[in-house]
Amino acid sequence: MDSIIKVIADNGISVVCVGYMIYFQLTTMKDVTKTLLKIEENLFLINQKLGIDIKKEKR
């Protein structure tokens, strides 16, 4: 814990910003990605029902 406080004291707010961005990427963006993938699946199914032929890329 002392080493974390020392790094923040030495490098200032930039360390806090980087830490927040890492946290944001690992939590919020993960949820957004899951939601967008569900939306993509639903749109693909709608296109299939409408008879629109769109090739789905494999990931």
PDB file of N, CA and C in Angstrom:
ATOM      1  N   MET A   1       0.826  -1.187   0.000  1.00  0.00           N
ATOM      2  CA  MET A   1       0.000   0.000   0.000  1.00  0.00           C
ATOM      3  C   MET A   1       0.876   1.260   0.000  1.00  0.00           C
ATOM      4  N   ASP A   2       1.966   1.206   0.749  1.00  0.00           N
ATOM      5  CA  ASP A   2       2.863   2.365   0.807  1.00  0.00           C
ATOM      6  C   ASP A   2       3.492   2.651  -0.553  1.00  0.00           C
ATOM      7  N   SER A   3       3.789   1.581  -1.293  1.00  0.00           N
ATOM      8  CA  SER A   3       4.403   1.779  -2.609  1.00  0.00           C
ATOM      9  C   SER A   3       3.427   2.452  -3.574  1.00  0.00           C
ATOM     10  N   ILE A   4       2.144   2.130  -3.461  1.00  0.00           N
ATOM     11  CA  ILE A   4       1.131   2.768  -4.320  1.00  0.00           C
ATOM     12  C   ILE A   4       1.042   4.251  -4.003  1.00  0.00           C
ATOM     13  N   ILE A   5       1.035   4.590  -2.726  1.00  0.00           N
ATOM     14  CA  ILE A   5       0.973   5.999  -2.318  1.00  0.00           C
ATOM     15  C   ILE A   5       2.222   6.740  -2.781  1.00  0.00           C
ATOM     16  N   LYS A   6       3.391   6.094  -2.693  1.00  0.00           N
ATOM     17  CA  LYS A   6       4.636   6.726  -3.133  1.00  0.00           C
ATOM     18  C   LYS A   6       4.611   6.997  -4.639  1.00  0.00           C
ATOM     19  N   VAL A   7       4.109   6.027  -5.437  1.00  0.00           N
ATOM     20  CA  VAL A   7       4.029   6.213  -6.889  1.00  0.00           C
ATOM     21  C   VAL A   7       3.099   7.372  -7.220  1.00  0.00           C
ATOM     22  N   ILE A   8       1.947   7.447  -6.536  1.00  0.00           N
ATOM     23  CA  ILE A   8       1.005   8.548  -6.779  1.00  0.00           C
ATOM     24  C   ILE A   8       1.633   9.879  -6.384  1.00  0.00           C
ATOM     25  N   ALA A   9       2.331   9.906  -5.263  1.00  0.00           N
ATOM     26  CA  ALA A   9       2.971  11.148  -4.821  1.00  0.00           C
ATOM     27  C   ALA A   9       4.070  11.580  -5.788  1.00  0.00           C
ATOM     28  N   ASP A  10       4.828  10.625  -6.322  1.00  0.00           N
ATOM     29  CA  ASP A  10       5.922  10.955  -7.234  1.00  0.00           C
ATOM     30  C   ASP A  10       5.426  11.372  -8.617  1.00  0.00           C
ATOM     31  N   ASN A  11       4.396  10.709  -9.116  1.00  0.00           N
ATOM     32  CA  ASN A  11       3.963  10.944 -10.494  1.00  0.00           C
ATOM     33  C   ASN A  11       2.662  11.730 -10.619  1.00  0.00           C
ATOM     34  N   GLY A  12       2.041  12.040  -9.525  1.00  0.00           N
ATOM     35  CA  GLY A  12       0.873  12.899  -9.548  1.00  0.00           C
ATOM     36  C   GLY A  12      -0.382  12.243 -10.088  1.00  0.00           C
ATOM     37  N   ILE A  13      -1.225  13.085 -10.626  1.00  0.00           N
ATOM     38  CA  ILE A  13      -2.559  12.681 -11.060  1.00  0.00           C
ATOM     39  C   ILE A  13      -2.527  11.743 -12.267  1.00  0.00           C
ATOM     40  N   SER A  14      -1.438  11.718 -13.000  1.00  0.00           N
ATOM     41  CA  SER A  14      -1.368  10.860 -14.190  1.00  0.00           C
ATOM     42  C   SER A  14      -1.521   9.387 -13.822  1.00  0.00           C
ATOM     43  N   VAL A  15      -0.972   8.975 -12.689  1.00  0.00           N
ATOM     44  CA  VAL A  15      -1.105   7.585 -12.247  1.00  0.00           C
ATOM     45  C   VAL A  15      -2.561   7.271 -11.935  1.00  0.00           C
ATOM     46  N   VAL A  16      -3.249   8.201 -11.309  1.00  0.00           N
ATOM     47  CA  VAL A  16      -4.665   8.010 -10.996  1.00  0.00           C
ATOM     48  C   VAL A  16      -5.471   7.895 -12.286  1.00  0.00           C
ATOM     49  N   CYS A  17      -5.175   8.730 -13.264  1.00  0.00           N
ATOM     50  CA  CYS A  17      -5.886   8.682 -14.548  1.00  0.00           C
ATOM     51  C   CYS A  17      -5.663   7.352 -15.259  1.00  0.00           C
ATOM     52  N   VAL A  18      -4.440   6.878 -15.286  1.00  0.00           N
ATOM     53  CA  VAL A  18      -4.141   5.596 -15.928  1.00  0.00           C
ATOM     54  C   VAL A  18      -4.856   4.466 -15.195  1.00  0.00           C
ATOM     55  N   GLY A  19      -4.847   4.507 -13.881  1.00  0.00           N
ATOM     56  CA  GLY A  19      -5.548   3.491 -13.095  1.00  0.00           C
ATOM     57  C   GLY A  19      -7.035   3.483 -13.379  1.00  0.00           C
ATOM     58  N   TYR A  20      -7.618   4.675 -13.480  1.00  0.00           N
ATOM     59  CA  TYR A  20      -9.046   4.763 -13.792  1.00  0.00           C
ATOM     60  C   TYR A  20      -9.338   4.224 -15.183  1.00  0.00           C
ATOM     61  N   MET A  21      -8.505   4.542 -16.153  1.00  0.00           N
ATOM     62  CA  MET A  21      -8.730   4.053 -17.516  1.00  0.00           C
ATOM     63  C   MET A  21      -8.639   2.529 -17.579  1.00  0.00           C
ATOM     64  N   ILE A  22      -7.717   1.944 -16.848  1.00  0.00           N
ATOM     65  CA  ILE A  22      -7.613   0.481 -16.801  1.00  0.00           C
ATOM     66  C   ILE A  22      -8.875  -0.102 -16.177  1.00  0.00           C
ATOM     67  N   TYR A  23      -9.327   0.481 -15.078  1.00  0.00           N
ATOM     68  CA  TYR A  23     -10.555   0.020 -14.426  1.00  0.00           C
ATOM     69  C   TYR A  23     -11.746   0.156 -15.373  1.00  0.00           C
ATOM     70  N   PHE A  24     -11.865   1.290 -16.044  1.00  0.00           N
ATOM     71  CA  PHE A  24     -12.969   1.550 -16.971  1.00  0.00           C
ATOM     72  C   PHE A  24     -12.977   0.525 -18.095  1.00  0.00           C
ATOM     73  N   GLN A  25     -11.815   0.227 -18.639  1.00  0.00           N
ATOM     74  CA  GLN A  25     -11.707  -0.740 -19.734  1.00  0.00           C
ATOM     75  C   GLN A  25     -12.125  -2.127 -19.279  1.00  0.00           C
ATOM     76  N   LEU A  26     -11.737  -2.511 -18.085  1.00  0.00           N
ATOM     77  CA  LEU A  26     -12.017  -3.858 -17.593  1.00  0.00           C
ATOM     78  C   LEU A  26     -13.453  -4.042 -17.110  1.00  0.00           C
ATOM     79  N   THR A  27     -14.157  -2.959 -16.802  1.00  0.00           N
ATOM     80  CA  THR A  27     -15.521  -3.096 -16.277  1.00  0.00           C
ATOM     81  C   THR A  27     -16.556  -2.594 -17.274  1.00  0.00           C
ATOM     82  N   THR A  28     -16.625  -1.304 -17.453  1.00  0.00           N
ATOM     83  CA  THR A  28     -17.678  -0.698 -18.263  1.00  0.00           C
ATOM     84  C   THR A  28     -17.592  -1.116 -19.721  1.00  0.00           C
ATOM     85  N   MET A  29     -16.410  -1.077 -20.306  1.00  0.00           N
ATOM     86  CA  MET A  29     -16.281  -1.417 -21.723  1.00  0.00           C
ATOM     87  C   MET A  29     -16.584  -2.891 -21.974  1.00  0.00           C
ATOM     88  N   LYS A  30     -16.305  -3.743 -20.993  1.00  0.00           N
ATOM     89  CA  LYS A  30     -16.627  -5.158 -21.126  1.00  0.00           C
ATOM     90  C   LYS A  30     -18.147  -5.324 -21.242  1.00  0.00           C
ATOM     91  N   ASP A  31     -18.901  -4.590 -20.412  1.00  0.00           N
ATOM     92  CA  ASP A  31     -20.360  -4.655 -20.458  1.00  0.00           C
ATOM     93  C   ASP A  31     -20.897  -4.095 -21.771  1.00  0.00           C
ATOM     94  N   VAL A  32     -20.314  -3.014 -22.245  1.00  0.00           N
ATOM     95  CA  VAL A  32     -20.744  -2.416 -23.511  1.00  0.00           C
ATOM     96  C   VAL A  32     -20.498  -3.389 -24.659  1.00  0.00           C
ATOM     97  N   THR A  33     -19.372  -4.056 -24.645  1.00  0.00           N
ATOM     98  CA  THR A  33     -19.050  -5.029 -25.695  1.00  0.00           C
ATOM     99  C   THR A  33     -20.054  -6.168 -25.707  1.00  0.00           C
ATOM    100  N   LYS A  34     -20.413  -6.681 -24.530  1.00  0.00           N
ATOM    101  CA  LYS A  34     -21.412  -7.753 -24.446  1.00  0.00           C
ATOM    102  C   LYS A  34     -22.746  -7.290 -25.014  1.00  0.00           C
ATOM    103  N   THR A  35     -23.161  -6.078 -24.670  1.00  0.00           N
ATOM    104  CA  THR A  35     -24.428  -5.539 -25.160  1.00  0.00           C
ATOM    105  C   THR A  35     -24.409  -5.384 -26.672  1.00  0.00           C
ATOM    106  N   LEU A  36     -23.322  -4.857 -27.213  1.00  0.00           N
ATOM    107  CA  LEU A  36     -23.229  -4.675 -28.664  1.00  0.00           C
ATOM    108  C   LEU A  36     -23.229  -6.007 -29.402  1.00  0.00           C
ATOM    109  N   LEU A  37     -22.617  -7.030 -28.829  1.00  0.00           N
ATOM    110  CA  LEU A  37     -22.632  -8.351 -29.457  1.00  0.00           C
ATOM    111  C   LEU A  37     -24.042  -8.936 -29.469  1.00  0.00           C
ATOM    112  N   LYS A  38     -24.816  -8.707 -28.405  1.00  0.00           N
ATOM    113  CA  LYS A  38     -26.211  -9.170 -28.374  1.00  0.00           C
ATOM    114  C   LYS A  38     -27.038  -8.437 -29.424  1.00  0.00           C
ATOM    115  N   ILE A  39     -26.806  -7.143 -29.558  1.00  0.00           N
ATOM    116  CA  ILE A  39     -27.518  -6.359 -30.574  1.00  0.00           C
ATOM    117  C   ILE A  39     -27.172  -6.870 -31.965  1.00  0.00           C
ATOM    118  N   GLU A  40     -25.899  -7.172 -32.195  1.00  0.00           N
ATOM    119  CA  GLU A  40     -25.470  -7.693 -33.495  1.00  0.00           C
ATOM    120  C   GLU A  40     -26.176  -9.011 -33.811  1.00  0.00           C
ATOM    121  N   GLU A  41     -26.270  -9.891 -32.819  1.00  0.00           N
ATOM    122  CA  GLU A  41     -26.952 -11.172 -33.029  1.00  0.00           C
ATOM    123  C   GLU A  41     -28.419 -10.959 -33.381  1.00  0.00           C
ATOM    124  N   ASN A  42     -29.078 -10.049 -32.664  1.00  0.00           N
ATOM    125  CA  ASN A  42     -30.491  -9.772 -32.932  1.00  0.00           C
ATOM    126  C   ASN A  42     -30.689  -9.191 -34.326  1.00  0.00           C
ATOM    127  N   LEU A  43     -29.822  -8.279 -34.726  1.00  0.00           N
ATOM    128  CA  LEU A  43     -29.931  -7.702 -36.069  1.00  0.00           C
ATOM    129  C   LEU A  43     -29.689  -8.755 -37.143  1.00  0.00           C
ATOM    130  N   PHE A  44     -28.770  -9.670 -36.893  1.00  0.00           N
ATOM    131  CA  PHE A  44     -28.503 -10.754 -37.832  1.00  0.00           C
ATOM    132  C   PHE A  44     -29.743 -11.630 -37.994  1.00  0.00           C
ATOM    133  N   LEU A  45     -30.403 -11.956 -36.872  1.00  0.00           N
ATOM    134  CA  LEU A  45     -31.622 -12.770 -36.929  1.00  0.00           C
ATOM    135  C   LEU A  45     -32.749 -12.042 -37.661  1.00  0.00           C
ATOM    136  N   ILE A  46     -32.873 -10.749 -37.435  1.00  0.00           N
ATOM    137  CA  ILE A  46     -33.892  -9.957 -38.130  1.00  0.00           C
ATOM    138  C   ILE A  46     -33.624  -9.965 -39.627  1.00  0.00           C
ATOM    139  N   ASN A  47     -32.360  -9.782 -40.010  1.00  0.00           N
ATOM    140  CA  ASN A  47     -32.004  -9.806 -41.432  1.00  0.00           C
ATOM    141  C   ASN A  47     -32.308 -11.161 -42.054  1.00  0.00           C
ATOM    142  N   GLN A  48     -32.062 -12.241 -41.312  1.00  0.00           N
ATOM    143  CA  GLN A  48     -32.376 -13.576 -41.823  1.00  0.00           C
ATOM    144  C   GLN A  48     -33.875 -13.732 -42.051  1.00  0.00           C
ATOM    145  N   LYS A  49     -34.676 -13.254 -41.103  1.00  0.00           N
ATOM    146  CA  LYS A  49     -36.129 -13.367 -41.227  1.00  0.00           C
ATOM    147  C   LYS A  49     -36.655 -12.533 -42.388  1.00  0.00           C
ATOM    148  N   LEU A  50     -36.001 -11.417 -42.661  1.00  0.00           N
ATOM    149  CA  LEU A  50     -36.417 -10.559 -43.776  1.00  0.00           C
ATOM    150  C   LEU A  50     -35.865 -11.053 -45.104  1.00  0.00           C
ATOM    151  N   GLY A  51     -34.982 -12.031 -45.062  1.00  0.00           N
ATOM    152  CA  GLY A  51     -34.423 -12.588 -46.284  1.00  0.00           C
ATOM    153  C   GLY A  51     -33.255 -11.811 -46.836  1.00  0.00           C
ATOM    154  N   ILE A  52     -32.654 -10.986 -46.016  1.00  0.00           N
ATOM    155  CA  ILE A  52     -31.485 -10.219 -46.445  1.00  0.00           C
ATOM    156  C   ILE A  52     -30.258 -11.086 -46.209  1.00  0.00           C
ATOM    157  N   ASP A  53     -29.477 -11.304 -47.271  1.00  0.00           N
ATOM    158  CA  ASP A  53     -28.315 -12.186 -47.181  1.00  0.00           C
ATOM    159  C   ASP A  53     -27.069 -11.375 -46.853  1.00  0.00           C
ATOM    160  N   ILE A  54     -26.635 -11.467 -45.617  1.00  0.00           N
ATOM    161  CA  ILE A  54     -25.420 -10.784 -45.175  1.00  0.00           C
ATOM    162  C   ILE A  54     -24.536 -11.833 -44.525  1.00  0.00           C
ATOM    163  N   LYS A  55     -23.291 -11.914 -44.976  1.00  0.00           N
ATOM    164  CA  LYS A  55     -22.372 -12.892 -44.398  1.00  0.00           C
ATOM    165  C   LYS A  55     -21.870 -12.380 -43.055  1.00  0.00           C
ATOM    166  N   LYS A  56     -21.954 -13.241 -42.060  1.00  0.00           N
ATOM    167  CA  LYS A  56     -21.481 -12.883 -40.735  1.00  0.00           C
ATOM    168  C   LYS A  56     -20.015 -13.268 -40.607  1.00  0.00           C
ATOM    169  N   GLU A  57     -19.197 -12.315 -40.173  1.00  0.00           N
ATOM    170  CA  GLU A  57     -17.777 -12.573 -39.998  1.00  0.00           C
ATOM    171  C   GLU A  57     -17.569 -13.369 -38.720  1.00  0.00           C
ATOM    172  N   LYS A  58     -16.668 -14.340 -38.782  1.00  0.00           N
ATOM    173  CA  LYS A  58     -16.346 -15.112 -37.587  1.00  0.00           C
ATOM    174  C   LYS A  58     -15.293 -14.368 -36.796  1.00  0.00           C
ATOM    175  N   ARG A  59     -15.409 -14.446 -35.484  1.00  0.00           N
ATOM    176  CA  ARG A  59     -14.453 -13.773 -34.599  1.00  0.00           C
ATOM    177  C   ARG A  59     -13.646 -14.774 -33.874  1.00  0.00           C
TER     178      ARG A  59
END
